[in-house]
């Protein structure tokens, strides 16, 4: 027996991709990444000063590349020297704090 499946994109987006429960799940995962990043962040002068305390989480519904919209979360560090800590510099090793913490998202 063959059955046809028809996906209705708008209700699927409303009930799954952009639903409140999906935003809550994205927030939960982002908070786990933030917690791990804070625990492994360098805290020595001069780069570590203020870096560890500058992690933030944002949850939103954003456009996808194909015209859709879905819930997503972003973990960022607003410290002035976040780029140097994350990617390194001429005399500074790359710590990759957020990169290492992404595995906590599951």
N, C-alpha and C. Protein backbone atom coordinates (compact mmCIF):
# COMPACT_ATOMS: atom_id res chain seq x y z
N UNK A 1 0.84 -1.18 0.00
CA UNK A 1 0.00 0.00 0.00
C UNK A 1 0.89 1.24 0.00
N UNK A 2 0.68 2.12 -0.94
CA UNK A 2 1.45 3.35 -1.07
C UNK A 2 0.62 4.50 -0.54
N UNK A 3 1.27 5.33 0.25
CA UNK A 3 0.57 6.50 0.76
C UNK A 3 1.31 7.75 0.31
N UNK A 4 0.55 8.78 0.06
CA UNK A 4 1.13 10.06 -0.32
C UNK A 4 1.30 10.91 0.93
N UNK A 5 2.38 11.65 0.93
CA UNK A 5 2.63 12.58 2.04
C UNK A 5 2.74 13.98 1.47
N UNK A 6 2.00 14.87 2.02
CA UNK A 6 2.04 16.27 1.59
C UNK A 6 2.42 17.11 2.79
N UNK A 7 3.54 17.80 2.68
CA UNK A 7 4.00 18.67 3.77
C UNK A 7 3.44 20.07 3.55
N UNK A 8 2.72 20.55 4.52
CA UNK A 8 2.20 21.92 4.48
C UNK A 8 3.20 22.79 5.25
N UNK A 9 3.95 23.57 4.50
CA UNK A 9 5.10 24.28 5.04
C UNK A 9 4.75 25.30 6.11
N UNK A 10 3.72 26.07 5.91
CA UNK A 10 3.37 27.11 6.89
C UNK A 10 3.00 26.51 8.24
N UNK A 11 2.08 25.53 8.30
CA UNK A 11 1.79 24.94 9.62
C UNK A 11 2.99 24.22 10.23
N UNK A 12 3.80 23.56 9.40
CA UNK A 12 4.99 22.89 9.92
C UNK A 12 5.94 23.91 10.55
N UNK A 13 6.12 25.02 9.89
CA UNK A 13 6.97 26.08 10.44
C UNK A 13 6.41 26.64 11.73
N UNK A 14 5.10 26.85 11.76
CA UNK A 14 4.45 27.41 12.95
C UNK A 14 4.52 26.46 14.14
N UNK A 15 4.35 25.17 13.87
CA UNK A 15 4.27 24.19 14.96
C UNK A 15 5.59 23.51 15.30
N UNK A 16 6.58 23.65 14.42
CA UNK A 16 7.88 22.99 14.69
C UNK A 16 9.03 23.99 14.58
N UNK A 17 9.30 24.50 13.40
CA UNK A 17 10.52 25.29 13.17
C UNK A 17 10.55 26.62 13.93
N UNK A 18 9.41 27.25 14.09
CA UNK A 18 9.36 28.55 14.78
C UNK A 18 8.57 28.50 16.08
N UNK A 19 8.24 27.34 16.54
CA UNK A 19 7.42 27.18 17.74
C UNK A 19 8.15 27.64 19.00
N UNK A 20 7.37 27.97 20.01
CA UNK A 20 7.95 28.40 21.28
C UNK A 20 8.80 27.29 21.90
N UNK A 21 8.37 26.05 21.78
CA UNK A 21 9.15 24.95 22.35
C UNK A 21 10.49 24.81 21.63
N UNK A 22 10.53 25.12 20.32
CA UNK A 22 11.79 25.05 19.59
C UNK A 22 12.72 26.18 20.02
N UNK A 23 12.16 27.37 20.24
CA UNK A 23 12.99 28.48 20.74
C UNK A 23 13.55 28.15 22.12
N UNK A 24 12.74 27.50 22.96
CA UNK A 24 13.20 27.11 24.29
C UNK A 24 14.32 26.07 24.19
N UNK A 25 14.21 25.15 23.24
CA UNK A 25 15.27 24.15 23.05
C UNK A 25 16.56 24.79 22.54
N UNK A 26 16.43 25.74 21.64
CA UNK A 26 17.62 26.45 21.15
C UNK A 26 18.28 27.23 22.29
N UNK A 27 17.47 27.83 23.15
CA UNK A 27 17.99 28.55 24.32
C UNK A 27 18.71 27.60 25.26
N UNK A 28 18.14 26.43 25.51
CA UNK A 28 18.76 25.44 26.40
C UNK A 28 20.13 25.03 25.86
N UNK A 29 20.22 24.79 24.57
CA UNK A 29 21.48 24.37 23.97
C UNK A 29 22.51 25.51 24.00
N UNK A 30 22.05 26.72 23.72
CA UNK A 30 22.96 27.86 23.73
C UNK A 30 23.48 28.13 25.15
N UNK A 31 22.64 27.97 26.15
CA UNK A 31 23.08 28.16 27.53
C UNK A 31 24.13 27.11 27.91
N UNK A 32 24.01 25.90 27.39
CA UNK A 32 25.01 24.86 27.66
C UNK A 32 26.35 25.24 27.02
N UNK A 33 26.31 25.78 25.81
CA UNK A 33 27.53 26.23 25.14
C UNK A 33 28.15 27.38 25.93
N UNK A 34 27.32 28.32 26.36
CA UNK A 34 27.82 29.47 27.13
C UNK A 34 28.48 29.01 28.43
N UNK A 35 27.85 28.08 29.13
CA UNK A 35 28.41 27.59 30.39
C UNK A 35 29.76 26.92 30.18
N UNK A 36 29.88 26.11 29.15
CA UNK A 36 31.17 25.46 28.87
C UNK A 36 32.21 26.49 28.45
N UNK A 37 31.82 27.45 27.62
CA UNK A 37 32.76 28.49 27.19
C UNK A 37 33.27 29.29 28.38
N UNK A 38 32.38 29.63 29.30
CA UNK A 38 32.80 30.38 30.49
C UNK A 38 33.76 29.56 31.35
N UNK A 39 33.54 28.24 31.39
CA UNK A 39 34.39 27.40 32.25
C UNK A 39 35.79 27.21 31.67
N UNK A 40 35.95 27.30 30.35
CA UNK A 40 37.27 27.09 29.74
C UNK A 40 37.91 28.39 29.25
N UNK A 41 37.23 29.52 29.43
CA UNK A 41 37.75 30.81 28.95
C UNK A 41 38.99 31.22 29.73
N UNK A 42 39.97 31.79 29.05
CA UNK A 42 41.15 32.29 29.76
C UNK A 42 40.78 33.47 30.64
N UNK A 43 41.41 33.54 31.79
CA UNK A 43 41.09 34.66 32.68
C UNK A 43 42.35 35.36 33.21
N UNK A 44 43.41 35.32 32.41
CA UNK A 44 44.64 35.97 32.82
C UNK A 44 44.80 37.29 32.06
N UNK A 45 45.45 38.29 32.69
CA UNK A 45 45.67 39.57 32.01
C UNK A 45 46.64 39.41 30.85
N UNK A 46 46.57 40.23 29.84
CA UNK A 46 45.57 41.27 29.62
C UNK A 46 44.32 40.75 28.90
N UNK A 47 44.43 39.63 28.17
CA UNK A 47 43.30 39.20 27.34
C UNK A 47 42.12 38.67 28.13
N UNK A 48 42.36 38.01 29.23
CA UNK A 48 41.28 37.40 29.97
C UNK A 48 40.42 38.38 30.75
N UNK A 49 40.92 39.58 30.97
CA UNK A 49 40.19 40.55 31.78
C UNK A 49 38.90 40.96 31.06
N UNK A 50 37.78 40.61 31.64
CA UNK A 50 36.48 40.95 31.07
C UNK A 50 35.97 39.99 30.03
N UNK A 51 36.81 39.11 29.52
CA UNK A 51 36.40 38.17 28.47
C UNK A 51 35.44 37.13 29.01
N UNK A 52 35.79 36.55 30.13
CA UNK A 52 34.99 35.47 30.72
C UNK A 52 33.57 35.94 31.08
N UNK A 53 33.43 37.19 31.44
CA UNK A 53 32.13 37.73 31.87
C UNK A 53 31.32 38.31 30.70
N UNK A 54 31.84 38.23 29.48
CA UNK A 54 31.20 38.91 28.35
C UNK A 54 30.46 37.99 27.39
N UNK A 55 30.15 36.78 27.79
CA UNK A 55 29.38 35.88 26.92
C UNK A 55 27.90 36.22 27.01
N UNK A 56 27.23 36.19 25.87
CA UNK A 56 25.79 36.48 25.80
C UNK A 56 25.10 35.46 24.91
N UNK A 57 23.81 35.25 25.17
CA UNK A 57 22.99 34.34 24.37
C UNK A 57 21.82 35.13 23.80
N UNK A 58 21.56 34.96 22.51
CA UNK A 58 20.39 35.55 21.85
C UNK A 58 19.58 34.44 21.20
N UNK A 59 18.27 34.48 21.35
CA UNK A 59 17.37 33.53 20.69
C UNK A 59 16.42 34.34 19.83
N UNK A 60 16.23 33.87 18.59
CA UNK A 60 15.41 34.63 17.64
C UNK A 60 14.88 33.68 16.57
N UNK A 61 14.00 34.20 15.75
CA UNK A 61 13.57 33.50 14.55
C UNK A 61 14.21 34.24 13.39
N UNK A 62 14.99 33.52 12.59
CA UNK A 62 15.73 34.16 11.50
C UNK A 62 15.43 33.50 10.17
N UNK A 63 15.70 34.25 9.11
CA UNK A 63 15.49 33.74 7.76
C UNK A 63 16.56 32.71 7.42
N UNK A 64 16.16 31.68 6.70
CA UNK A 64 17.11 30.70 6.18
C UNK A 64 17.52 31.14 4.78
N UNK A 65 18.44 30.45 4.20
CA UNK A 65 18.92 30.81 2.86
C UNK A 65 17.92 30.53 1.76
N UNK A 66 16.87 29.76 2.05
CA UNK A 66 15.92 29.39 1.01
C UNK A 66 14.55 30.03 1.22
N UNK A 67 14.50 31.13 1.89
CA UNK A 67 13.24 31.86 2.06
C UNK A 67 12.42 31.46 3.26
N UNK A 68 12.82 30.45 4.01
CA UNK A 68 12.09 30.04 5.20
C UNK A 68 12.55 30.80 6.43
N UNK A 69 11.93 30.50 7.55
CA UNK A 69 12.32 31.10 8.82
C UNK A 69 12.29 30.01 9.87
N UNK A 70 13.27 30.07 10.79
CA UNK A 70 13.32 29.08 11.85
C UNK A 70 13.96 29.66 13.11
N UNK A 71 13.70 29.00 14.23
CA UNK A 71 14.27 29.42 15.51
C UNK A 71 15.77 29.13 15.52
N UNK A 72 16.52 30.02 16.13
CA UNK A 72 17.96 29.80 16.26
C UNK A 72 18.46 30.55 17.49
N UNK A 73 19.62 30.15 17.95
CA UNK A 73 20.25 30.80 19.09
C UNK A 73 21.69 31.12 18.74
N UNK A 74 22.20 32.20 19.29
CA UNK A 74 23.57 32.63 19.05
C UNK A 74 24.26 32.84 20.39
N UNK A 75 25.46 32.32 20.50
CA UNK A 75 26.30 32.59 21.67
C UNK A 75 27.45 33.45 21.18
N UNK A 76 27.65 34.58 21.83
CA UNK A 76 28.72 35.49 21.40
C UNK A 76 29.44 36.06 22.61
N UNK A 77 30.58 36.64 22.34
CA UNK A 77 31.34 37.31 23.37
C UNK A 77 31.52 38.75 22.94
N UNK A 78 31.10 39.69 23.77
CA UNK A 78 31.11 41.11 23.42
C UNK A 78 32.35 41.84 23.92
N UNK A 79 33.32 41.11 24.43
CA UNK A 79 34.57 41.71 24.88
C UNK A 79 35.30 42.35 23.70
N UNK A 80 36.03 43.42 23.97
CA UNK A 80 36.79 44.09 22.92
C UNK A 80 37.89 43.21 22.31
N UNK A 81 38.37 42.26 23.06
CA UNK A 81 39.45 41.42 22.56
C UNK A 81 39.00 39.98 22.31
N UNK A 82 37.72 39.77 22.06
CA UNK A 82 37.20 38.42 21.81
C UNK A 82 37.82 37.79 20.57
N UNK A 83 38.03 38.57 19.53
CA UNK A 83 38.62 38.04 18.31
C UNK A 83 40.02 37.52 18.52
N UNK A 84 40.81 38.25 19.28
CA UNK A 84 42.19 37.83 19.56
C UNK A 84 42.20 36.57 20.42
N UNK A 85 41.32 36.51 21.42
CA UNK A 85 41.27 35.33 22.28
C UNK A 85 40.83 34.11 21.46
N UNK A 86 39.81 34.29 20.64
CA UNK A 86 39.28 33.16 19.87
C UNK A 86 40.24 32.70 18.77
N UNK A 87 40.73 33.62 17.97
CA UNK A 87 41.51 33.26 16.78
C UNK A 87 43.02 33.45 16.92
N UNK A 88 43.45 34.12 17.97
CA UNK A 88 44.87 34.34 18.17
C UNK A 88 45.37 35.55 17.40
N UNK A 89 46.61 35.87 17.63
CA UNK A 89 47.25 37.01 16.97
C UNK A 89 48.72 36.72 16.76
N UNK A 90 49.44 37.75 16.46
CA UNK A 90 50.87 37.60 16.16
C UNK A 90 51.63 36.93 17.31
N UNK A 91 51.34 37.35 18.53
CA UNK A 91 52.04 36.80 19.69
C UNK A 91 51.09 36.15 20.68
N UNK A 92 49.89 35.87 20.25
CA UNK A 92 48.87 35.30 21.14
C UNK A 92 48.34 34.00 20.53
N UNK A 93 48.34 32.91 21.28
CA UNK A 93 47.80 31.67 20.72
C UNK A 93 46.27 31.73 20.60
N UNK A 94 45.74 31.02 19.65
CA UNK A 94 44.27 30.94 19.49
C UNK A 94 43.72 30.01 20.57
N UNK A 95 42.81 30.53 21.38
CA UNK A 95 42.21 29.71 22.44
C UNK A 95 40.99 28.94 21.92
N UNK A 96 40.33 29.44 20.88
CA UNK A 96 39.16 28.81 20.29
C UNK A 96 38.11 28.44 21.34
N UNK A 97 37.86 29.36 22.27
CA UNK A 97 36.95 29.10 23.38
C UNK A 97 35.57 28.74 22.89
N UNK A 98 34.96 29.55 22.04
CA UNK A 98 33.62 29.24 21.54
C UNK A 98 33.65 28.03 20.61
N UNK A 99 34.67 27.91 19.82
CA UNK A 99 34.79 26.76 18.93
C UNK A 99 34.83 25.45 19.69
N UNK A 100 35.56 25.42 20.78
CA UNK A 100 35.66 24.21 21.60
C UNK A 100 34.34 23.93 22.33
N UNK A 101 33.61 24.98 22.67
CA UNK A 101 32.39 24.82 23.46
C UNK A 101 31.17 24.41 22.63
N UNK A 102 31.26 24.49 21.31
CA UNK A 102 30.11 24.17 20.46
C UNK A 102 29.61 22.74 20.62
N UNK A 103 30.47 21.84 21.00
CA UNK A 103 30.05 20.45 21.20
C UNK A 103 29.00 20.29 22.28
N UNK A 104 28.92 21.24 23.19
CA UNK A 104 27.92 21.18 24.27
C UNK A 104 26.51 21.37 23.74
N UNK A 105 26.36 21.85 22.51
CA UNK A 105 25.02 22.07 21.94
C UNK A 105 24.34 20.73 21.63
N UNK A 106 25.12 19.69 21.48
CA UNK A 106 24.55 18.36 21.24
C UNK A 106 24.19 18.06 19.86
